[in-house]
C-alpha atoms as a PDB file:
ATOM      1  CA  MET A   1      16.649   0.547   2.645  1.00  0.00           C
ATOM      2  CA  ALA A   2      19.983   1.657   4.203  1.00  0.00           C
ATOM      3  CA  LEU A   3      21.501   0.446   7.387  1.00  0.00           C
ATOM      4  CA  ASP A   4      20.465   3.567   9.355  1.00  0.00           C
ATOM      5  CA  LYS A   5      16.780   2.978   8.741  1.00  0.00           C
ATOM      6  CA  ILE A   6      16.973  -0.820   9.085  1.00  0.00           C
ATOM      7  CA  LEU A   7      18.823  -0.574  12.420  1.00  0.00           C
ATOM      8  CA  THR A   8      16.364   1.992  13.788  1.00  0.00           C
ATOM      9  CA  GLU A   9      13.447  -0.226  12.757  1.00  0.00           C
ATOM     10  CA  LEU A  10      14.909  -3.354  14.291  1.00  0.00           C
ATOM     11  CA  ARG A  11      15.815  -1.660  17.541  1.00  0.00           C
ATOM     12  CA  SER A  12      12.337  -0.025  17.809  1.00  0.00           C
ATOM     13  CA  GLU A  13      10.660  -3.390  17.113  1.00  0.00           C
ATOM     14  CA  GLN A  14      12.551  -4.870  20.002  1.00  0.00           C
ATOM     15  CA  GLY A  15      11.707  -1.946  22.238  1.00  0.00           C
ATOM     16  CA  LEU A  16      15.423  -1.255  22.855  1.00  0.00           C
ATOM     17  CA  SER A  17      17.060   2.115  23.566  1.00  0.00           C
ATOM     18  CA  GLN A  18      20.302   2.926  21.731  1.00  0.00           C
ATOM     19  CA  LYS A  19      22.123   2.432  25.046  1.00  0.00           C
ATOM     20  CA  GLN A  20      20.590  -0.981  25.689  1.00  0.00           C
ATOM     21  CA  LEU A  21      21.549  -2.211  22.179  1.00  0.00           C
ATOM     22  CA  ALA A  22      25.037  -0.750  22.502  1.00  0.00           C
ATOM     23  CA  GLU A  23      25.580  -2.583  25.812  1.00  0.00           C
ATOM     24  CA  ALA A  24      24.214  -5.836  24.381  1.00  0.00           C
ATOM     25  CA  ILE A  25      26.656  -5.917  21.496  1.00  0.00           C
ATOM     26  CA  GLY A  26      29.621  -4.251  23.125  1.00  0.00           C
ATOM     27  CA  VAL A  27      29.834  -0.881  21.398  1.00  0.00           C
ATOM     28  CA  SER A  28      29.206   2.616  22.576  1.00  0.00           C
ATOM     29  CA  GLN A  29      25.835   4.317  22.564  1.00  0.00           C
ATOM     30  CA  SER A  30      27.301   6.988  20.295  1.00  0.00           C
ATOM     31  CA  THR A  31      28.255   4.371  17.766  1.00  0.00           C
ATOM     32  CA  ILE A  32      24.610   3.251  17.517  1.00  0.00           C
ATOM     33  CA  ALA A  33      23.407   6.865  17.364  1.00  0.00           C
ATOM     34  CA  LYS A  34      25.841   7.866  14.597  1.00  0.00           C
ATOM     35  CA  ILE A  35      24.828   4.843  12.485  1.00  0.00           C
ATOM     36  CA  GLU A  36      21.154   5.594  12.956  1.00  0.00           C
ATOM     37  CA  VAL A  37      21.470   9.172  11.809  1.00  0.00           C
ATOM     38  CA  GLY A  38      23.763   8.207   8.907  1.00  0.00           C
ATOM     39  CA  ARG A  39      26.710  10.225  10.343  1.00  0.00           C
ATOM     40  CA  ASN A  40      29.126   7.262  10.398  1.00  0.00           C
ATOM     41  CA  GLU A  41      29.308   4.045   8.406  1.00  0.00           C
ATOM     42  CA  SER A  42      29.429   0.950  10.486  1.00  0.00           C
ATOM     43  CA  THR A  43      32.498  -1.253  10.680  1.00  0.00           C
ATOM     44  CA  ALA A  44      32.315  -4.839   9.497  1.00  0.00           C
ATOM     45  CA  SER A  45      32.690  -5.897  13.097  1.00  0.00           C
ATOM     46  CA  THR A  46      29.678  -3.925  14.186  1.00  0.00           C
ATOM     47  CA  VAL A  47      27.575  -5.118  11.310  1.00  0.00           C
ATOM     48  CA  ARG A  48      28.409  -8.685  12.252  1.00  0.00           C
ATOM     49  CA  LYS A  49      27.497  -8.072  15.943  1.00  0.00           C
ATOM     50  CA  LEU A  50      24.174  -6.520  14.948  1.00  0.00           C
ATOM     51  CA  ALA A  51      23.350  -9.361  12.492  1.00  0.00           C
ATOM     52  CA  ARG A  52      24.029 -11.832  15.310  1.00  0.00           C
ATOM     53  CA  TYR A  53      22.014  -9.885  17.821  1.00  0.00           C
ATOM     54  CA  PHE A  54      18.946  -9.386  15.633  1.00  0.00           C
ATOM     55  CA  GLN A  55      19.335 -12.822  13.964  1.00  0.00           C
ATOM     56  CA  VAL A  56      19.317 -11.354  10.467  1.00  0.00           C
ATOM     57  CA  SER A  57      21.943 -11.497   7.762  1.00  0.00           C
ATOM     58  CA  ALA A  58      24.578  -8.807   7.225  1.00  0.00           C
ATOM     59  CA  ASP A  59      23.273  -8.497   3.658  1.00  0.00           C
ATOM     60  CA  TYR A  60      19.837  -7.631   5.052  1.00  0.00           C
ATOM     61  CA  LEU A  61      21.332  -4.967   7.369  1.00  0.00           C
ATOM     62  CA  LEU A  62      23.250  -3.509   4.423  1.00  0.00           C
ATOM     63  CA  GLY A  63      20.141  -3.468   2.236  1.00  0.00           C
ATOM     64  CA  LEU A  64      21.472  -6.130  -0.197  1.00  0.00           C
ATOM     65  CA  GLU A  65      18.659  -8.500   0.453  1.00  0.00           C
ATOM     66  CA  ASP A  66      15.118  -8.273   1.777  1.00  0.00           C
ATOM     67  CA  GLU A  67      13.670  -9.822   4.982  1.00  0.00           C
ATOM     68  CA  PHE A  68      13.020 -13.055   3.085  1.00  0.00           C
ATOM     69  CA  GLY A  69      16.633 -13.485   1.767  1.00  0.00           C
ATOM     70  CA  ALA A  70      15.903 -12.355  -1.731  1.00  0.00           C
ATOM     71  CA  LYS A  71      18.793 -10.410  -3.187  1.00  0.00           C
ATOM     72  CA  THR A  72      18.133  -6.927  -4.270  1.00  0.00           C
ATOM     73  CA  GLN A  73      19.935  -5.234  -7.264  1.00  0.00           C
ATOM     74  CA  GLU A  74      20.628  -2.262  -5.076  1.00  0.00           C
ATOM     75  CA  PRO A  75      19.409  -1.021  -1.718  1.00  0.00           C
ATOM     76  CA  THR A  76      15.773   0.212  -2.084  1.00  0.00           C
ATOM     77  CA  THR A  77      13.406   2.085   0.167  1.00  0.00           C
ATOM     78  CA  ASN A  78      10.502  -0.365  -0.448  1.00  0.00           C
ATOM     79  CA  CYS A  79      11.838  -3.916  -0.241  1.00  0.00           C
ATOM     80  CA  THR A  80       8.497  -5.548   0.401  1.00  0.00           C
ATOM     81  CA  ALA A  81       4.845  -4.825   0.664  1.00  0.00           C
ATOM     82  CA  ALA A  82       3.718  -2.998   3.764  1.00  0.00           C
ATOM     83  CA  GLU A  83       1.590  -6.055   4.846  1.00  0.00           C
ATOM     84  CA  GLU A  84       4.557  -8.398   4.532  1.00  0.00           C
ATOM     85  CA  ARG A  85       6.781  -6.058   6.647  1.00  0.00           C
ATOM     86  CA  GLU A  86       4.050  -5.845   9.301  1.00  0.00           C
ATOM     87  CA  LEU A  87       3.667  -9.655   9.395  1.00  0.00           C
ATOM     88  CA  LEU A  88       7.421 -10.089   9.744  1.00  0.00           C
ATOM     89  CA  LYS A  89       7.555  -7.466  12.556  1.00  0.00           C
ATOM     90  CA  PHE A  90       4.918  -9.388  14.583  1.00  0.00           C
ATOM     91  CA  TYR A  91       6.452 -12.817  13.742  1.00  0.00           C
ATOM     92  CA  ARG A  92       9.848 -11.720  15.127  1.00  0.00           C
ATOM     93  CA  ARG A  93       8.185 -10.988  18.521  1.00  0.00           C
ATOM     94  CA  LEU A  94       6.864 -14.573  18.878  1.00  0.00           C
ATOM     95  CA  GLU A  95       8.341 -17.300  21.035  1.00  0.00           C
ATOM     96  CA  PRO A  96       9.995 -20.184  19.068  1.00  0.00           C
ATOM     97  CA  GLN A  97       7.115 -22.637  19.627  1.00  0.00           C
ATOM     98  CA  VAL A  98       4.525 -20.091  18.499  1.00  0.00           C
ATOM     99  CA  LYS A  99       6.667 -19.241  15.428  1.00  0.00           C
ATOM    100  CA  ALA A 100       6.600 -22.880  14.442  1.00  0.00           C
ATOM    101  CA  MET A 101       2.812 -23.086  14.812  1.00  0.00           C
ATOM    102  CA  ALA A 102       2.357 -19.783  12.886  1.00  0.00           C
ATOM    103  CA  LEU A 103       4.563 -21.063  10.029  1.00  0.00           C
ATOM    104  CA  GLN A 104       2.724 -24.354   9.908  1.00  0.00           C
ATOM    105  CA  THR A 105      -0.664 -22.555   9.833  1.00  0.00           C
ATOM    106  CA  VAL A 106       0.387 -20.193   7.019  1.00  0.00           C
ATOM    107  CA  LYS A 107       1.726 -23.058   4.994  1.00  0.00           C
ATOM    108  CA  LEU A 108      -1.532 -24.897   5.416  1.00  0.00           C
ATOM    109  CA  TRP A 109      -3.475 -21.817   4.317  1.00  0.00           C
ATOM    110  CA  ALA A 110      -1.200 -21.164   1.422  1.00  0.00           C
ATOM    111  CA  GLU A 111      -1.633 -24.869   0.226  1.00  0.00           C
ATOM    112  CA  GLY A 112      -5.408 -24.615   0.546  1.00  0.00           C
ATOM    113  CA  GLY A 113      -5.591 -27.246   3.261  1.00  0.00           C
ATOM    114  CA  ALA A 114      -7.508 -25.266   5.845  1.00  0.00           C
ATOM    115  CA  ASP A 115     -10.646 -24.898   3.757  1.00  0.00           C
ATOM    116  CA  GLY A 116     -10.107 -27.357   1.017  1.00  0.00           C
ATOM    117  CA  LYS A 117      -9.768 -24.675  -1.681  1.00  0.00           C
ATOM    118  CA  PRO A 118      -6.855 -24.825  -4.106  1.00  0.00           C
ATOM    119  CA  PRO A 119      -3.935 -22.603  -3.249  1.00  0.00           C
ATOM    120  CA  ARG A 120      -3.920 -19.032  -4.407  1.00  0.00           C
ATOM    121  CA  ASN A 121      -1.019 -17.597  -6.395  1.00  0.00           C
END
């Protein structure tokens, strides 16, 4: 996935307008708009600001890795399964304490501890 689509998705997940995001990272609204429509390529400085703001890697923003940090050979349009993307979208909205509990619960389920069954592959 390319920066334009990734940025649009992240901004929408956070419920931000282009103007709000621009103000938050110190760029113009037109900079955000041009990136999102693919009219301009982002500068390294803007990518760095966006990565810090959304707490993701610059490689993720550039489509060089997926949401989980796995490197991709080249930017793709389908980095992960739809269910994984949906889970990640909701996870990002959680408060830090709830994120910790959710992670702990998922680990328990994955290891088969919640019902005593062996883990599934």
